[in-house]
Structure formats: structure tokens, C-alpha cells
Amino acid sequence: MPDLPTRIIDFHVHLFPDRMFDAIWASFAREYGWDVRYRLYYRACIEHLRARGVETIVYSNYAHRRGIAAGLNEWNLRVLEETPGLYCLAAYHPDDDDGIDMARRLLEHPRVIGFKLQLMVQRFHPYDRRMYPLYEMVMEKGKRLLFHAGTAPVSNEFVGLAEFRKLLRDFPELPATVAHMGSLEYGGFLDLLEAHPGLYLDTAFSFCPQFNTADHLGLEALERYRDRIVYGSDFPNLPYERETEIATLVGCGVSQGFLDAVFHGNGRRLIGACAPG
């Protein structure tokens, strides 16, 4: 059986201020019946992952409504200041009047590598014209976007493959990662990789036994696109042990080359492009 790289890059970690974490965990329990296993605040999250071989953490947070992003991003800058080896996909909301000016300032920070957009929670379409200045700025600065664009765990009118395709018509070279392998439309999002060179997928929450994407896509497809997939854990917001998902992915028969690319090489390449030096 192949081995994980000794230096893992986790491209999908969530860090929030403590009170926001409390609110999110309560919401998960109320709305989805999820008992989050790792109720760890941000410093403990970082320590937990680093003790388990995660050398580099790319974390994100998102503004669920107007007026939240500015405070979150001030917090992000403090966290980056106190923690080396950490990279951030910052918060943005199109309803904020000063959003573009804030984004421009944030992108000057060498370890802010872009923005996280949680379309289901934030409730806007990926092709919302208010977002186009942000997309253009991200491309100009050589940064990236992380989208929750898929239909899992629940869906609404703002997510799904058809909605995301509309965005790519206007921005075919958008430097973006689609979280969760595009769950539940795995195959359709994987097919987008062929025509859109800036697009990647992340593994977060996609290889746990309940949602093993390998069962839907097959080993051949995973290997074919192994240079366009990055590992993400979704830590700490997991109802199962973090290692369970890794064991499922390793155990489905992927090659050593797949693990080397997904758990380290691809993430290092993306970070290097967004934060050279």
C-alpha cells in the first residue's frame, strides 16, 4: 500500500473566532444533526493538525451576511501575524459597500492567497455580476478562489453544476478550487477540468465511508486528474475521525504518485503561484 507524504498540505481547513465556531457547531447540530467531533478553537486546530503531519495549512472562513467580512478579515490578519506557515482564503460578501477596497488591501498580504465563497450559505449565484470585479482582481493579482458550489450536504438555487458553468462561460480561466469534489455532482465537476486549466477540486468530506467519491468516479478518473486535485480535510467541522477519510482514500487503490500529488505537490504548486517566495 502506498504511503502518505511526510509533509502534508491541507488546503481546506476552517478557522473562525471562538464565538463564531460555537455558533457554527450549534447550527450544524440544529440543521443537519451533526455532532462535530473536534470542537477545537483555532490555536488547538493548528496544533492538532501539525502534530499529525500537516506541515502547511490553508484555512478559510466566510461571511454569512453583510457586515461580517471586515471583522473576520481583521481577525485573519492577526492570526497570520502570530502563526507562520499558515495561508488564508479570506472572507468576502457582495453586499458590503467597501468589499472591493478591502479585498484589494488583503491581497497585498503575501499569505492571503484569495477568498472563500460559500454560495449556499451566503446566498448568491457564482455569476452574480457584483462578484465580477473581485474575480478580475483575483486573476490580476495571481491569487485564487475557493467555492462551495456543489449540492451537498444540502442544496438551494445558488449551487450546482449548472450554476457554476454559467460563471465559467464568462471566466473560463478562473483560478478556482471547487470544494468537496463538487459533491454531489462529482462527474460533472471533474469533466470541467479538461477545458478549464485554472480549475482544481479538493477532497474535503468526499472520501469518508458515507460519501466515497471513488465509488462514483472510479480509480481511472481519479488517476487521470491527479494533478488537479488537492487534499482538504474540512477540519475541524467533522462528524467522524479525520483519519477515517484519509484511510478510505489510501485504501481505494490509488497510486503513490496520486498521494504525492494530492497531499503535497499540487498544494505546493498552487501556494507557490499565489505566494511566490
C-alpha atoms as a PDB file:
ATOM      1  CA  MET A   1       0.000   0.000   0.000  1.00  0.00           C
ATOM      2  CA  PRO A   2       1.389   3.474  -0.841  1.00  0.00           C
ATOM      3  CA  ASP A   3       2.392   5.913   1.887  1.00  0.00           C
ATOM      4  CA  LEU A   4       1.282   9.460   2.558  1.00  0.00           C
ATOM      5  CA  PRO A   5       3.908  12.157   2.033  1.00  0.00           C
ATOM      6  CA  THR A   6       5.673  13.074   5.250  1.00  0.00           C
ATOM      7  CA  ARG A   7       4.837  16.768   4.681  1.00  0.00           C
ATOM      8  CA  ILE A   8       1.098  17.151   4.108  1.00  0.00           C
ATOM      9  CA  ILE A   9      -0.574  20.309   2.803  1.00  0.00           C
ATOM     10  CA  ASP A  10      -4.189  20.658   3.926  1.00  0.00           C
ATOM     11  CA  PHE A  11      -5.953  23.030   1.540  1.00  0.00           C
ATOM     12  CA  HIS A  12      -9.352  23.084   3.267  1.00  0.00           C
ATOM     13  CA  VAL A  13      -9.303  23.923   6.969  1.00  0.00           C
ATOM     14  CA  HIS A  14     -11.795  26.202   8.695  1.00  0.00           C
ATOM     15  CA  LEU A  15     -10.630  28.672  11.334  1.00  0.00           C
ATOM     16  CA  PHE A  16     -13.052  31.126  12.945  1.00  0.00           C
ATOM     17  CA  PRO A  17     -13.064  33.253  16.057  1.00  0.00           C
ATOM     18  CA  ASP A  18     -14.166  31.203  19.057  1.00  0.00           C
ATOM     19  CA  ARG A  19     -17.706  32.579  19.345  1.00  0.00           C
ATOM     20  CA  MET A  20     -18.329  32.035  15.630  1.00  0.00           C
ATOM     21  CA  PHE A  21     -17.139  28.455  15.937  1.00  0.00           C
ATOM     22  CA  ASP A  22     -19.624  27.952  18.785  1.00  0.00           C
ATOM     23  CA  ALA A  23     -22.441  29.336  16.624  1.00  0.00           C
ATOM     24  CA  ILE A  24     -21.452  27.193  13.617  1.00  0.00           C
ATOM     25  CA  TRP A  25     -21.287  23.998  15.652  1.00  0.00           C
ATOM     26  CA  ALA A  26     -24.689  24.730  17.181  1.00  0.00           C
ATOM     27  CA  SER A  27     -26.086  25.368  13.705  1.00  0.00           C
ATOM     28  CA  PHE A  28     -24.709  22.070  12.377  1.00  0.00           C
ATOM     29  CA  ALA A  29     -26.342  20.187  15.242  1.00  0.00           C
ATOM     30  CA  ARG A  30     -29.648  22.002  14.784  1.00  0.00           C
ATOM     31  CA  GLU A  31     -29.886  21.923  10.981  1.00  0.00           C
ATOM     32  CA  TYR A  32     -28.053  18.730   9.980  1.00  0.00           C
ATOM     33  CA  GLY A  33     -27.949  16.644  13.128  1.00  0.00           C
ATOM     34  CA  TRP A  34     -24.126  16.687  13.029  1.00  0.00           C
ATOM     35  CA  ASP A  35     -22.249  16.252  16.256  1.00  0.00           C
ATOM     36  CA  VAL A  36     -18.934  17.892  15.380  1.00  0.00           C
ATOM     37  CA  ARG A  37     -16.227  15.610  16.712  1.00  0.00           C
ATOM     38  CA  TYR A  38     -13.416  18.163  17.025  1.00  0.00           C
ATOM     39  CA  ARG A  39     -14.693  21.148  18.966  1.00  0.00           C
ATOM     40  CA  LEU A  40     -11.306  22.821  18.915  1.00  0.00           C
ATOM     41  CA  TYR A  41     -10.712  26.550  18.732  1.00  0.00           C
ATOM     42  CA  TYR A  42      -8.288  27.898  16.196  1.00  0.00           C
ATOM     43  CA  ARG A  43      -4.981  27.508  18.051  1.00  0.00           C
ATOM     44  CA  ALA A  44      -5.869  23.969  19.086  1.00  0.00           C
ATOM     45  CA  CYS A  45      -6.872  23.170  15.484  1.00  0.00           C
ATOM     46  CA  ILE A  46      -3.465  24.231  14.219  1.00  0.00           C
ATOM     47  CA  GLU A  47      -1.663  22.246  16.918  1.00  0.00           C
ATOM     48  CA  HIS A  48      -3.785  19.146  16.275  1.00  0.00           C
ATOM     49  CA  LEU A  49      -3.069  19.123  12.526  1.00  0.00           C
ATOM     50  CA  ARG A  50       0.625  19.871  12.835  1.00  0.00           C
ATOM     51  CA  ALA A  51       1.037  17.053  15.336  1.00  0.00           C
ATOM     52  CA  ARG A  52      -0.331  14.739  12.618  1.00  0.00           C
ATOM     53  CA  GLY A  53       1.996  15.617   9.780  1.00  0.00           C
ATOM     54  CA  VAL A  54       0.260  18.643   8.297  1.00  0.00           C
ATOM     55  CA  GLU A  55       3.145  20.957   7.524  1.00  0.00           C
ATOM     56  CA  THR A  56       1.166  23.671   5.736  1.00  0.00           C
ATOM     57  CA  ILE A  57      -2.406  24.769   6.444  1.00  0.00           C
ATOM     58  CA  VAL A  58      -4.567  26.743   4.037  1.00  0.00           C
ATOM     59  CA  TYR A  59      -7.571  27.882   6.036  1.00  0.00           C
ATOM     60  CA  SER A  60     -10.677  29.816   5.159  1.00  0.00           C
ATOM     61  CA  ASN A  61     -13.699  31.489   6.629  1.00  0.00           C
ATOM     62  CA  TYR A  62     -16.691  33.207   5.096  1.00  0.00           C
ATOM     63  CA  ALA A  63     -19.130  35.997   5.848  1.00  0.00           C
ATOM     64  CA  HIS A  64     -22.673  34.679   6.067  1.00  0.00           C
ATOM     65  CA  ARG A  65     -24.195  38.148   5.732  1.00  0.00           C
ATOM     66  CA  ARG A  66     -23.432  41.804   5.144  1.00  0.00           C
ATOM     67  CA  GLY A  67     -21.096  43.492   7.608  1.00  0.00           C
ATOM     68  CA  ILE A  68     -19.284  40.370   8.816  1.00  0.00           C
ATOM     69  CA  ALA A  69     -16.308  40.184   6.446  1.00  0.00           C
ATOM     70  CA  ALA A  70     -14.401  43.217   7.738  1.00  0.00           C
ATOM     71  CA  GLY A  71     -14.191  41.940  11.310  1.00  0.00           C
ATOM     72  CA  LEU A  72     -13.358  38.423  10.164  1.00  0.00           C
ATOM     73  CA  ASN A  73     -10.550  39.692   7.983  1.00  0.00           C
ATOM     74  CA  GLU A  74      -9.073  41.820  10.755  1.00  0.00           C
ATOM     75  CA  TRP A  75      -9.009  38.621  12.798  1.00  0.00           C
ATOM     76  CA  ASN A  76      -7.432  36.755   9.870  1.00  0.00           C
ATOM     77  CA  LEU A  77      -4.584  39.236   9.679  1.00  0.00           C
ATOM     78  CA  ARG A  78      -3.896  38.830  13.401  1.00  0.00           C
ATOM     79  CA  VAL A  79      -3.877  35.037  13.074  1.00  0.00           C
ATOM     80  CA  LEU A  80      -1.449  35.192  10.149  1.00  0.00           C
ATOM     81  CA  GLU A  81       0.789  37.527  12.124  1.00  0.00           C
ATOM     82  CA  GLU A  82       1.034  35.134  15.058  1.00  0.00           C
ATOM     83  CA  THR A  83       1.283  31.881  13.084  1.00  0.00           C
ATOM     84  CA  PRO A  84       3.978  31.163  10.480  1.00  0.00           C
ATOM     85  CA  GLY A  85       3.337  28.576   7.774  1.00  0.00           C
ATOM     86  CA  LEU A  86      -0.340  29.462   7.587  1.00  0.00           C
ATOM     87  CA  TYR A  87      -2.173  30.695   4.468  1.00  0.00           C
ATOM     88  CA  CYS A  88      -5.626  32.246   4.302  1.00  0.00           C
ATOM     89  CA  LEU A  89      -8.559  32.326   1.898  1.00  0.00           C
ATOM     90  CA  ALA A  90     -10.270  35.380   3.313  1.00  0.00           C
ATOM     91  CA  ALA A  91     -13.908  36.415   3.708  1.00  0.00           C
ATOM     92  CA  TYR A  92     -15.925  38.448   1.210  1.00  0.00           C
ATOM     93  CA  HIS A  93     -19.580  39.337   0.776  1.00  0.00           C
ATOM     94  CA  PRO A  94     -21.031  41.184  -2.234  1.00  0.00           C
ATOM     95  CA  ASP A  95     -23.444  43.193  -0.064  1.00  0.00           C
ATOM     96  CA  ASP A  96     -20.561  45.056   1.630  1.00  0.00           C
ATOM     97  CA  ASP A  97     -20.145  48.571   0.216  1.00  0.00           C
ATOM     98  CA  ASP A  98     -16.382  48.602   0.832  1.00  0.00           C
ATOM     99  CA  GLY A  99     -15.785  44.994  -0.201  1.00  0.00           C
ATOM    100  CA  ILE A 100     -13.573  45.628  -3.219  1.00  0.00           C
ATOM    101  CA  ASP A 101     -11.362  48.135  -1.393  1.00  0.00           C
ATOM    102  CA  MET A 102     -11.000  45.681   1.483  1.00  0.00           C
ATOM    103  CA  ALA A 103     -10.180  42.864  -0.937  1.00  0.00           C
ATOM    104  CA  ARG A 104      -7.516  44.953  -2.647  1.00  0.00           C
ATOM    105  CA  ARG A 105      -5.786  45.633   0.674  1.00  0.00           C
ATOM    106  CA  LEU A 106      -5.999  41.992   1.755  1.00  0.00           C
ATOM    107  CA  LEU A 107      -4.469  40.684  -1.446  1.00  0.00           C
ATOM    108  CA  GLU A 108      -1.326  42.679  -0.739  1.00  0.00           C
ATOM    109  CA  HIS A 109      -0.626  40.338   2.171  1.00  0.00           C
ATOM    110  CA  PRO A 110       1.722  37.575   0.957  1.00  0.00           C
ATOM    111  CA  ARG A 111      -0.152  34.823   2.809  1.00  0.00           C
ATOM    112  CA  VAL A 112      -3.676  35.855   1.857  1.00  0.00           C
ATOM    113  CA  ILE A 113      -3.932  33.721  -1.260  1.00  0.00           C
ATOM    114  CA  GLY A 114      -7.521  34.569  -2.186  1.00  0.00           C
ATOM    115  CA  PHE A 115     -11.109  34.260  -0.959  1.00  0.00           C
ATOM    116  CA  LYS A 116     -13.590  31.602   0.135  1.00  0.00           C
ATOM    117  CA  LEU A 117     -17.125  31.813  -1.263  1.00  0.00           C
ATOM    118  CA  GLN A 118     -19.757  29.599   0.362  1.00  0.00           C
ATOM    119  CA  LEU A 119     -22.557  30.057  -2.148  1.00  0.00           C
ATOM    120  CA  MET A 120     -25.173  28.020  -0.321  1.00  0.00           C
ATOM    121  CA  VAL A 121     -24.777  29.894   2.973  1.00  0.00           C
ATOM    122  CA  GLN A 122     -24.023  33.336   1.520  1.00  0.00           C
ATOM    123  CA  ARG A 123     -26.921  33.001  -0.927  1.00  0.00           C
ATOM    124  CA  PHE A 124     -25.666  34.476  -4.163  1.00  0.00           C
ATOM    125  CA  HIS A 125     -25.055  32.967  -7.580  1.00  0.00           C
ATOM    126  CA  PRO A 126     -21.458  32.407  -8.684  1.00  0.00           C
ATOM    127  CA  TYR A 127     -22.182  34.535 -11.767  1.00  0.00           C
ATOM    128  CA  ASP A 128     -23.622  37.429  -9.740  1.00  0.00           C
ATOM    129  CA  ARG A 129     -22.298  40.493 -11.575  1.00  0.00           C
ATOM    130  CA  ARG A 130     -21.395  42.147  -8.280  1.00  0.00           C
ATOM    131  CA  MET A 131     -18.682  39.497  -7.934  1.00  0.00           C
ATOM    132  CA  TYR A 132     -17.008  40.146 -11.278  1.00  0.00           C
ATOM    133  CA  PRO A 133     -14.714  42.944 -10.031  1.00  0.00           C
ATOM    134  CA  LEU A 134     -13.445  40.557  -7.339  1.00  0.00           C
ATOM    135  CA  TYR A 135     -12.829  37.775  -9.850  1.00  0.00           C
ATOM    136  CA  GLU A 136     -10.952  40.162 -12.123  1.00  0.00           C
ATOM    137  CA  MET A 137      -8.826  41.413  -9.235  1.00  0.00           C
ATOM    138  CA  VAL A 138      -8.015  37.892  -8.062  1.00  0.00           C
ATOM    139  CA  MET A 139      -6.871  36.960 -11.565  1.00  0.00           C
ATOM    140  CA  GLU A 140      -4.836  40.145 -11.936  1.00  0.00           C
ATOM    141  CA  LYS A 141      -3.052  39.524  -8.626  1.00  0.00           C
ATOM    142  CA  GLY A 142      -2.356  35.854  -9.350  1.00  0.00           C
ATOM    143  CA  LYS A 143      -4.475  34.629  -6.414  1.00  0.00           C
ATOM    144  CA  ARG A 144      -7.245  32.009  -6.100  1.00  0.00           C
ATOM    145  CA  LEU A 145     -10.838  31.399  -5.065  1.00  0.00           C
ATOM    146  CA  LEU A 146     -12.345  28.503  -3.132  1.00  0.00           C
ATOM    147  CA  PHE A 147     -16.007  27.812  -3.935  1.00  0.00           C
ATOM    148  CA  HIS A 148     -18.540  25.718  -2.119  1.00  0.00           C
ATOM    149  CA  ALA A 149     -20.517  25.238  -5.327  1.00  0.00           C
ATOM    150  CA  GLY A 150     -21.875  21.695  -5.022  1.00  0.00           C
ATOM    151  CA  THR A 151     -25.214  20.348  -3.850  1.00  0.00           C
ATOM    152  CA  ALA A 152     -24.043  18.523  -0.701  1.00  0.00           C
ATOM    153  CA  PRO A 153     -24.894  18.346   2.140  1.00  0.00           C
ATOM    154  CA  VAL A 154     -27.993  20.324   1.147  1.00  0.00           C
ATOM    155  CA  SER A 155     -28.864  22.335  -1.913  1.00  0.00           C
ATOM    156  CA  ASN A 156     -30.511  25.605  -2.872  1.00  0.00           C
ATOM    157  CA  GLU A 157     -30.875  27.717  -6.014  1.00  0.00           C
ATOM    158  CA  PHE A 158     -27.355  29.166  -5.723  1.00  0.00           C
ATOM    159  CA  VAL A 159     -25.341  25.946  -6.030  1.00  0.00           C
ATOM    160  CA  GLY A 160     -24.921  23.149  -8.532  1.00  0.00           C
ATOM    161  CA  LEU A 161     -23.046  22.318 -11.698  1.00  0.00           C
ATOM    162  CA  ALA A 162     -25.350  24.297 -13.983  1.00  0.00           C
ATOM    163  CA  GLU A 163     -24.901  27.450 -11.906  1.00  0.00           C
ATOM    164  CA  PHE A 164     -21.123  27.116 -11.877  1.00  0.00           C
ATOM    165  CA  ARG A 165     -20.943  26.516 -15.613  1.00  0.00           C
ATOM    166  CA  LYS A 166     -22.578  29.920 -16.161  1.00  0.00           C
ATOM    167  CA  LEU A 167     -19.675  31.540 -14.318  1.00  0.00           C
ATOM    168  CA  LEU A 168     -17.080  29.684 -16.385  1.00  0.00           C
ATOM    169  CA  ARG A 169     -18.638  30.965 -19.609  1.00  0.00           C
ATOM    170  CA  ASP A 170     -17.536  34.449 -18.591  1.00  0.00           C
ATOM    171  CA  PHE A 171     -14.333  33.406 -16.787  1.00  0.00           C
ATOM    172  CA  PRO A 172     -13.049  30.238 -18.483  1.00  0.00           C
ATOM    173  CA  GLU A 173      -9.581  30.638 -16.943  1.00  0.00           C
ATOM    174  CA  LEU A 174     -10.770  31.470 -13.433  1.00  0.00           C
ATOM    175  CA  PRO A 175      -8.195  30.257 -10.847  1.00  0.00           C
ATOM    176  CA  ALA A 176     -10.612  28.423  -8.581  1.00  0.00           C
ATOM    177  CA  THR A 177     -10.894  25.323  -6.451  1.00  0.00           C
ATOM    178  CA  VAL A 178     -14.256  23.604  -6.079  1.00  0.00           C
ATOM    179  CA  ALA A 179     -14.640  22.156  -2.608  1.00  0.00           C
ATOM    180  CA  HIS A 180     -15.788  18.631  -1.842  1.00  0.00           C
ATOM    181  CA  MET A 181     -15.037  17.342  -5.367  1.00  0.00           C
ATOM    182  CA  GLY A 182     -18.217  19.135  -6.433  1.00  0.00           C
ATOM    183  CA  SER A 183     -20.408  16.814  -4.366  1.00  0.00           C
ATOM    184  CA  LEU A 184     -22.854  15.513  -5.283  1.00  0.00           C
ATOM    185  CA  GLU A 185     -22.268  16.196  -8.991  1.00  0.00           C
ATOM    186  CA  TYR A 186     -18.796  14.658  -8.882  1.00  0.00           C
ATOM    187  CA  GLY A 187     -18.532  13.569 -12.503  1.00  0.00           C
ATOM    188  CA  GLY A 188     -19.770  16.822 -13.966  1.00  0.00           C
ATOM    189  CA  PHE A 189     -17.312  18.933 -11.994  1.00  0.00           C
ATOM    190  CA  LEU A 190     -14.470  16.551 -12.833  1.00  0.00           C
ATOM    191  CA  ASP A 191     -15.317  16.929 -16.528  1.00  0.00           C
ATOM    192  CA  LEU A 192     -14.834  20.706 -16.233  1.00  0.00           C
ATOM    193  CA  LEU A 193     -11.131  20.233 -15.555  1.00  0.00           C
ATOM    194  CA  GLU A 194     -10.393  19.376 -19.171  1.00  0.00           C
ATOM    195  CA  ALA A 195     -11.491  22.751 -20.560  1.00  0.00           C
ATOM    196  CA  HIS A 196     -10.604  24.993 -17.616  1.00  0.00           C
ATOM    197  CA  PRO A 197      -6.891  24.909 -16.726  1.00  0.00           C
ATOM    198  CA  GLY A 198      -7.236  27.093 -13.621  1.00  0.00           C
ATOM    199  CA  LEU A 199      -9.805  24.814 -12.012  1.00  0.00           C
ATOM    200  CA  TYR A 200      -8.994  22.316  -9.245  1.00  0.00           C
ATOM    201  CA  LEU A 201     -11.077  20.153  -6.913  1.00  0.00           C
ATOM    202  CA  ASP A 202     -10.463  19.422  -3.242  1.00  0.00           C
ATOM    203  CA  THR A 203     -11.149  16.194  -1.402  1.00  0.00           C
ATOM    204  CA  ALA A 204     -12.800  17.655   1.712  1.00  0.00           C
ATOM    205  CA  PHE A 205     -15.610  15.463   3.041  1.00  0.00           C
ATOM    206  CA  SER A 206     -15.550  13.415  -0.177  1.00  0.00           C
ATOM    207  CA  PHE A 207     -13.823  10.181   0.774  1.00  0.00           C
ATOM    208  CA  CYS A 208     -15.407   9.383   4.112  1.00  0.00           C
ATOM    209  CA  PRO A 209     -17.172   5.989   4.030  1.00  0.00           C
ATOM    210  CA  GLN A 210     -20.592   7.639   3.726  1.00  0.00           C
ATOM    211  CA  PHE A 211     -19.615   9.703   0.636  1.00  0.00           C
ATOM    212  CA  ASN A 212     -16.749   7.852  -1.019  1.00  0.00           C
ATOM    213  CA  THR A 213     -16.259   9.715  -4.274  1.00  0.00           C
ATOM    214  CA  ALA A 214     -14.060   6.918  -5.605  1.00  0.00           C
ATOM    215  CA  ASP A 215     -17.185   4.747  -5.806  1.00  0.00           C
ATOM    216  CA  HIS A 216     -18.802   7.300  -8.139  1.00  0.00           C
ATOM    217  CA  LEU A 217     -15.828   8.341 -10.279  1.00  0.00           C
ATOM    218  CA  GLY A 218     -13.693   5.224 -10.409  1.00  0.00           C
ATOM    219  CA  LEU A 219      -9.978   4.854  -9.937  1.00  0.00           C
ATOM    220  CA  GLU A 220      -9.075   5.592 -13.557  1.00  0.00           C
ATOM    221  CA  ALA A 221     -10.700   9.030 -13.484  1.00  0.00           C
ATOM    222  CA  LEU A 222      -9.035   9.942 -10.186  1.00  0.00           C
ATOM    223  CA  GLU A 223      -5.632   8.969 -11.515  1.00  0.00           C
ATOM    224  CA  ARG A 224      -6.175  10.812 -14.792  1.00  0.00           C
ATOM    225  CA  TYR A 225      -6.797  14.073 -12.951  1.00  0.00           C
ATOM    226  CA  ARG A 226      -4.471  13.560 -10.017  1.00  0.00           C
ATOM    227  CA  ASP A 227      -2.577  16.770 -10.835  1.00  0.00           C
ATOM    228  CA  ARG A 228      -5.789  18.811 -10.446  1.00  0.00           C
ATOM    229  CA  ILE A 229      -6.932  17.600  -7.025  1.00  0.00           C
ATOM    230  CA  VAL A 230      -5.742  18.886  -3.648  1.00  0.00           C
ATOM    231  CA  TYR A 231      -6.210  17.328  -0.249  1.00  0.00           C
ATOM    232  CA  GLY A 232      -8.536  19.080   2.163  1.00  0.00           C
ATOM    233  CA  SER A 233      -9.826  17.812   5.479  1.00  0.00           C
ATOM    234  CA  ASP A 234     -12.677  20.244   6.307  1.00  0.00           C
ATOM    235  CA  PHE A 235     -11.177  20.173   9.816  1.00  0.00           C
ATOM    236  CA  PRO A 236     -12.421  20.713  12.476  1.00  0.00           C
ATOM    237  CA  ASN A 237     -16.054  20.545  11.304  1.00  0.00           C
ATOM    238  CA  LEU A 238     -16.188  16.759  11.025  1.00  0.00           C
ATOM    239  CA  PRO A 239     -18.697  14.290  12.477  1.00  0.00           C
ATOM    240  CA  TYR A 240     -16.136  11.471  12.021  1.00  0.00           C
ATOM    241  CA  GLU A 241     -12.445  10.918  12.754  1.00  0.00           C
ATOM    242  CA  ARG A 242     -10.202  12.881  10.409  1.00  0.00           C
ATOM    243  CA  GLU A 243      -8.059   9.817   9.745  1.00  0.00           C
ATOM    244  CA  THR A 244     -11.076   7.802   8.530  1.00  0.00           C
ATOM    245  CA  GLU A 245     -11.318   9.773   5.307  1.00  0.00           C
ATOM    246  CA  ILE A 246      -7.578   9.511   4.661  1.00  0.00           C
ATOM    247  CA  ALA A 247      -7.686   5.741   5.211  1.00  0.00           C
ATOM    248  CA  THR A 248     -10.597   5.384   2.793  1.00  0.00           C
ATOM    249  CA  LEU A 249      -8.788   7.343   0.081  1.00  0.00           C
ATOM    250  CA  VAL A 250      -5.490   5.492   0.546  1.00  0.00           C
ATOM    251  CA  GLY A 251      -7.325   2.178   0.647  1.00  0.00           C
ATOM    252  CA  CYS A 252      -9.240   2.609  -2.601  1.00  0.00           C
ATOM    253  CA  GLY A 253      -6.190   1.667  -4.666  1.00  0.00           C
ATOM    254  CA  VAL A 254      -4.698   4.999  -5.718  1.00  0.00           C
ATOM    255  CA  SER A 255      -1.031   5.118  -6.683  1.00  0.00           C
ATOM    256  CA  GLN A 256       1.918   6.587  -4.823  1.00  0.00           C
ATOM    257  CA  GLY A 257       2.030   9.288  -7.487  1.00  0.00           C
ATOM    258  CA  PHE A 258      -1.583  10.213  -6.710  1.00  0.00           C
ATOM    259  CA  LEU A 259      -0.892  10.564  -2.986  1.00  0.00           C
ATOM    260  CA  ASP A 260       2.293  12.562  -3.551  1.00  0.00           C
ATOM    261  CA  ALA A 261       0.464  14.980  -5.863  1.00  0.00           C
ATOM    262  CA  VAL A 262      -2.783  15.344  -3.916  1.00  0.00           C
ATOM    263  CA  PHE A 263      -1.359  15.521  -0.391  1.00  0.00           C
ATOM    264  CA  HIS A 264       1.620  17.726  -1.199  1.00  0.00           C
ATOM    265  CA  GLY A 265       2.751  18.541  -4.731  1.00  0.00           C
ATOM    266  CA  ASN A 266      -0.392  20.170  -6.100  1.00  0.00           C
ATOM    267  CA  GLY A 267      -0.935  22.265  -2.992  1.00  0.00           C
ATOM    268  CA  ARG A 268       2.689  23.399  -3.012  1.00  0.00           C
ATOM    269  CA  ARG A 269       2.383  24.428  -6.669  1.00  0.00           C
ATOM    270  CA  LEU A 270      -0.779  26.464  -6.027  1.00  0.00           C
ATOM    271  CA  ILE A 271       0.671  28.178  -2.968  1.00  0.00           C
ATOM    272  CA  GLY A 272       3.851  28.918  -4.870  1.00  0.00           C
ATOM    273  CA  ALA A 273       1.863  30.606  -7.624  1.00  0.00           C
ATOM    274  CA  CYS A 274      -0.187  32.690  -5.182  1.00  0.00           C
ATOM    275  CA  ALA A 275       2.566  33.486  -2.685  1.00  0.00           C
ATOM    276  CA  PRO A 276       5.904  33.295  -4.512  1.00  0.00           C
ATOM    277  CA  GLY A 277       8.925  33.286  -2.243  1.00  0.00           C
END
